N, C-alpha and C. Protein backbone atom coordinates (compact mmCIF):
# COMPACT_ATOMS: atom_id res chain seq x y z
N MET A 1 17.37 -17.91 4.46
CA MET A 1 17.40 -16.62 3.81
C MET A 1 16.72 -15.61 4.74
N ALA A 2 17.25 -14.41 4.76
CA ALA A 2 16.74 -13.36 5.64
C ALA A 2 15.75 -12.45 4.91
N CYS A 3 14.95 -11.75 5.69
CA CYS A 3 13.99 -10.80 5.14
C CYS A 3 14.74 -9.67 4.43
N PHE A 4 14.30 -9.35 3.24
CA PHE A 4 14.90 -8.29 2.42
C PHE A 4 14.85 -6.93 3.13
N GLN A 5 13.83 -6.69 3.92
CA GLN A 5 13.64 -5.38 4.55
C GLN A 5 14.31 -5.27 5.91
N CYS A 6 14.05 -6.23 6.82
CA CYS A 6 14.51 -6.08 8.20
C CYS A 6 15.63 -7.03 8.58
N GLY A 7 15.89 -8.05 7.78
CA GLY A 7 16.96 -8.99 8.07
C GLY A 7 16.57 -10.15 8.96
N ALA A 8 15.30 -10.24 9.36
CA ALA A 8 14.85 -11.37 10.19
C ALA A 8 15.08 -12.67 9.42
N VAL A 9 15.50 -13.69 10.13
CA VAL A 9 15.78 -14.98 9.51
C VAL A 9 14.54 -15.84 9.53
N GLN A 10 14.25 -16.46 8.39
CA GLN A 10 13.09 -17.35 8.29
C GLN A 10 13.36 -18.61 9.09
N THR A 11 12.38 -19.02 9.88
CA THR A 11 12.51 -20.24 10.66
C THR A 11 11.84 -21.39 9.92
N ASP A 12 12.02 -22.60 10.40
CA ASP A 12 11.38 -23.75 9.77
C ASP A 12 9.86 -23.54 9.78
N PRO A 13 9.23 -23.72 8.63
CA PRO A 13 7.79 -23.47 8.55
C PRO A 13 6.98 -24.56 9.26
N VAL A 14 5.83 -24.15 9.74
CA VAL A 14 4.87 -25.12 10.27
C VAL A 14 4.08 -25.63 9.07
N LYS A 15 3.23 -26.61 9.28
CA LYS A 15 2.43 -27.13 8.17
C LYS A 15 1.55 -26.03 7.60
N GLY A 16 1.35 -26.10 6.29
CA GLY A 16 0.51 -25.11 5.63
C GLY A 16 1.35 -24.12 4.84
N ALA A 17 0.67 -23.14 4.31
CA ALA A 17 1.34 -22.12 3.49
C ALA A 17 2.22 -21.22 4.35
N SER A 18 3.35 -20.85 3.82
CA SER A 18 4.26 -19.96 4.54
C SER A 18 3.73 -18.53 4.51
N PRO A 19 3.82 -17.82 5.63
CA PRO A 19 3.39 -16.42 5.64
C PRO A 19 4.43 -15.50 5.00
N TRP A 20 5.61 -16.01 4.72
CA TRP A 20 6.66 -15.23 4.07
C TRP A 20 6.34 -15.13 2.58
N ALA A 21 6.64 -13.98 1.99
CA ALA A 21 6.37 -13.76 0.57
C ALA A 21 7.67 -13.70 -0.21
N ARG A 22 7.62 -14.19 -1.45
CA ARG A 22 8.77 -14.10 -2.36
C ARG A 22 8.58 -12.91 -3.29
N LEU A 23 9.70 -12.33 -3.67
CA LEU A 23 9.68 -11.17 -4.54
C LEU A 23 11.00 -11.13 -5.29
N VAL A 24 11.00 -10.71 -6.54
CA VAL A 24 12.24 -10.52 -7.28
C VAL A 24 12.51 -9.01 -7.30
N VAL A 25 13.66 -8.63 -6.74
CA VAL A 25 14.06 -7.23 -6.67
C VAL A 25 15.45 -7.10 -7.28
N LYS A 26 15.56 -6.27 -8.30
CA LYS A 26 16.83 -6.08 -9.01
C LYS A 26 17.42 -7.42 -9.45
N ASP A 27 16.55 -8.27 -10.00
CA ASP A 27 16.91 -9.58 -10.54
C ASP A 27 17.34 -10.60 -9.50
N GLU A 28 17.12 -10.34 -8.23
CA GLU A 28 17.44 -11.30 -7.18
C GLU A 28 16.17 -11.67 -6.44
N GLN A 29 16.00 -12.97 -6.17
CA GLN A 29 14.83 -13.41 -5.42
C GLN A 29 15.08 -13.13 -3.95
N VAL A 30 14.10 -12.50 -3.29
CA VAL A 30 14.20 -12.16 -1.88
C VAL A 30 12.93 -12.61 -1.16
N LEU A 31 13.00 -12.61 0.15
CA LEU A 31 11.85 -12.92 0.98
C LEU A 31 11.45 -11.68 1.77
N ILE A 32 10.16 -11.56 2.04
CA ILE A 32 9.62 -10.49 2.88
C ILE A 32 8.88 -11.16 4.03
N CYS A 33 9.27 -10.83 5.26
CA CYS A 33 8.64 -11.46 6.42
C CYS A 33 7.22 -10.93 6.63
N PRO A 34 6.41 -11.64 7.38
CA PRO A 34 5.02 -11.21 7.61
C PRO A 34 4.93 -9.84 8.28
N GLN A 35 5.86 -9.54 9.19
CA GLN A 35 5.82 -8.25 9.89
C GLN A 35 6.07 -7.10 8.91
N CYS A 36 7.03 -7.26 8.00
CA CYS A 36 7.32 -6.20 7.02
C CYS A 36 6.19 -6.07 6.01
N GLN A 37 5.54 -7.18 5.66
CA GLN A 37 4.37 -7.11 4.78
C GLN A 37 3.27 -6.29 5.43
N HIS A 38 3.07 -6.53 6.73
CA HIS A 38 2.03 -5.81 7.46
C HIS A 38 2.39 -4.33 7.63
N ALA A 39 3.66 -4.05 7.93
CA ALA A 39 4.11 -2.67 8.17
C ALA A 39 4.08 -1.83 6.90
N ASN A 40 4.29 -2.47 5.74
CA ASN A 40 4.30 -1.74 4.47
C ASN A 40 3.33 -2.41 3.51
N PRO A 41 2.07 -1.99 3.49
CA PRO A 41 1.08 -2.62 2.61
C PRO A 41 1.43 -2.53 1.13
N ASP A 42 2.31 -1.61 0.75
CA ASP A 42 2.73 -1.47 -0.65
C ASP A 42 4.01 -2.24 -0.96
N TRP A 43 4.32 -3.27 -0.16
CA TRP A 43 5.58 -3.99 -0.33
C TRP A 43 5.72 -4.60 -1.73
N LYS A 44 4.61 -4.95 -2.37
CA LYS A 44 4.69 -5.55 -3.71
C LYS A 44 5.24 -4.58 -4.75
N LEU A 45 5.14 -3.29 -4.49
CA LEU A 45 5.65 -2.29 -5.43
C LEU A 45 7.18 -2.25 -5.46
N LEU A 46 7.83 -2.88 -4.48
CA LEU A 46 9.29 -2.92 -4.43
C LEU A 46 9.87 -3.86 -5.49
N GLY A 47 9.07 -4.78 -5.98
CA GLY A 47 9.56 -5.83 -6.88
C GLY A 47 9.65 -5.42 -8.33
N ASP A 48 10.43 -6.21 -9.07
CA ASP A 48 10.54 -6.03 -10.51
C ASP A 48 9.22 -6.44 -11.17
N ARG A 49 9.06 -6.08 -12.42
CA ARG A 49 7.86 -6.43 -13.19
C ARG A 49 8.26 -7.14 -14.47
N CYS A 50 7.37 -7.99 -14.95
CA CYS A 50 7.57 -8.70 -16.20
C CYS A 50 7.54 -7.69 -17.36
N PRO A 51 8.52 -7.76 -18.27
CA PRO A 51 8.51 -6.83 -19.40
C PRO A 51 7.43 -7.14 -20.43
N TYR A 52 6.79 -8.32 -20.32
CA TYR A 52 5.76 -8.71 -21.28
C TYR A 52 4.36 -8.39 -20.80
N CYS A 53 4.07 -8.69 -19.52
CA CYS A 53 2.70 -8.50 -19.02
C CYS A 53 2.61 -7.57 -17.81
N ALA A 54 3.73 -7.09 -17.32
CA ALA A 54 3.82 -6.17 -16.18
C ALA A 54 3.44 -6.80 -14.84
N SER A 55 3.35 -8.12 -14.78
CA SER A 55 3.04 -8.80 -13.52
C SER A 55 4.23 -8.69 -12.57
N SER A 56 3.95 -8.64 -11.28
CA SER A 56 5.01 -8.66 -10.27
C SER A 56 5.22 -10.07 -9.71
N ARG A 57 4.49 -11.04 -10.23
CA ARG A 57 4.58 -12.44 -9.77
C ARG A 57 5.75 -13.13 -10.47
N LEU A 58 6.97 -12.82 -10.01
CA LEU A 58 8.18 -13.34 -10.64
C LEU A 58 8.92 -14.27 -9.70
N SER A 59 9.66 -15.21 -10.28
CA SER A 59 10.55 -16.11 -9.54
C SER A 59 11.86 -16.18 -10.29
N LYS A 60 12.92 -16.47 -9.56
CA LYS A 60 14.22 -16.64 -10.20
C LYS A 60 14.51 -18.13 -10.26
N VAL A 61 14.77 -18.63 -11.48
CA VAL A 61 15.02 -20.06 -11.69
C VAL A 61 16.25 -20.22 -12.57
N MET A 62 17.30 -20.78 -12.02
CA MET A 62 18.53 -21.09 -12.77
C MET A 62 19.02 -19.91 -13.61
N GLY A 63 19.10 -18.74 -13.01
CA GLY A 63 19.65 -17.58 -13.68
C GLY A 63 18.66 -16.77 -14.50
N SER A 64 17.49 -17.30 -14.74
CA SER A 64 16.47 -16.57 -15.49
C SER A 64 15.35 -16.16 -14.54
N VAL A 65 14.68 -15.09 -14.90
CA VAL A 65 13.51 -14.67 -14.16
C VAL A 65 12.30 -15.22 -14.90
N VAL A 66 11.41 -15.88 -14.16
CA VAL A 66 10.22 -16.50 -14.74
C VAL A 66 8.99 -15.78 -14.22
N CYS A 67 8.11 -15.40 -15.13
CA CYS A 67 6.87 -14.72 -14.76
C CYS A 67 5.82 -15.78 -14.48
N ARG A 68 5.25 -15.75 -13.29
CA ARG A 68 4.16 -16.68 -12.97
C ARG A 68 2.84 -16.17 -13.48
N GLY A 69 2.81 -14.95 -14.02
CA GLY A 69 1.60 -14.39 -14.60
C GLY A 69 1.38 -14.89 -16.02
N CYS A 70 2.40 -14.71 -16.89
CA CYS A 70 2.25 -15.10 -18.30
C CYS A 70 3.07 -16.33 -18.67
N GLY A 71 3.95 -16.78 -17.77
CA GLY A 71 4.73 -18.00 -18.02
C GLY A 71 6.02 -17.79 -18.78
N ARG A 72 6.31 -16.58 -19.20
CA ARG A 72 7.55 -16.33 -19.96
C ARG A 72 8.74 -16.24 -19.03
N ASP A 73 9.90 -16.59 -19.58
CA ASP A 73 11.13 -16.40 -18.82
C ASP A 73 12.04 -15.48 -19.61
N PHE A 74 12.91 -14.79 -18.89
CA PHE A 74 13.78 -13.82 -19.52
C PHE A 74 15.00 -13.60 -18.66
N GLU A 75 16.07 -13.19 -19.28
CA GLU A 75 17.28 -12.81 -18.58
C GLU A 75 17.43 -11.31 -18.69
N ARG A 76 17.76 -10.70 -17.61
CA ARG A 76 17.98 -9.26 -17.63
C ARG A 76 19.39 -8.99 -18.11
N THR A 77 19.57 -7.92 -18.82
CA THR A 77 20.90 -7.52 -19.21
C THR A 77 21.44 -6.60 -18.14
N PRO A 78 22.68 -6.85 -17.71
CA PRO A 78 23.22 -6.00 -16.65
C PRO A 78 23.34 -4.55 -17.09
N SER A 79 23.02 -3.64 -16.19
CA SER A 79 23.16 -2.22 -16.49
C SER A 79 24.44 -1.72 -15.81
N PHE A 80 25.31 -1.17 -16.60
CA PHE A 80 26.59 -0.70 -16.06
C PHE A 80 26.60 0.80 -15.96
């Protein structure tokens, strides 16, 4: 998967935590590379928020968005 901002491709990680960050933007899970995180300190503001607790710690799992803050999952209704 490529970086949501610059298109850089994620390489195989070394041991330990990945420096790449996950974010849900417009109901799609995306990655942000370390360089884009550094270049834009407000990168977390780009992401969606939980409608229950307003957390930005979201993941996409089998079509639903799951909040890692409060544990709730929800499906977004498409906006036409």
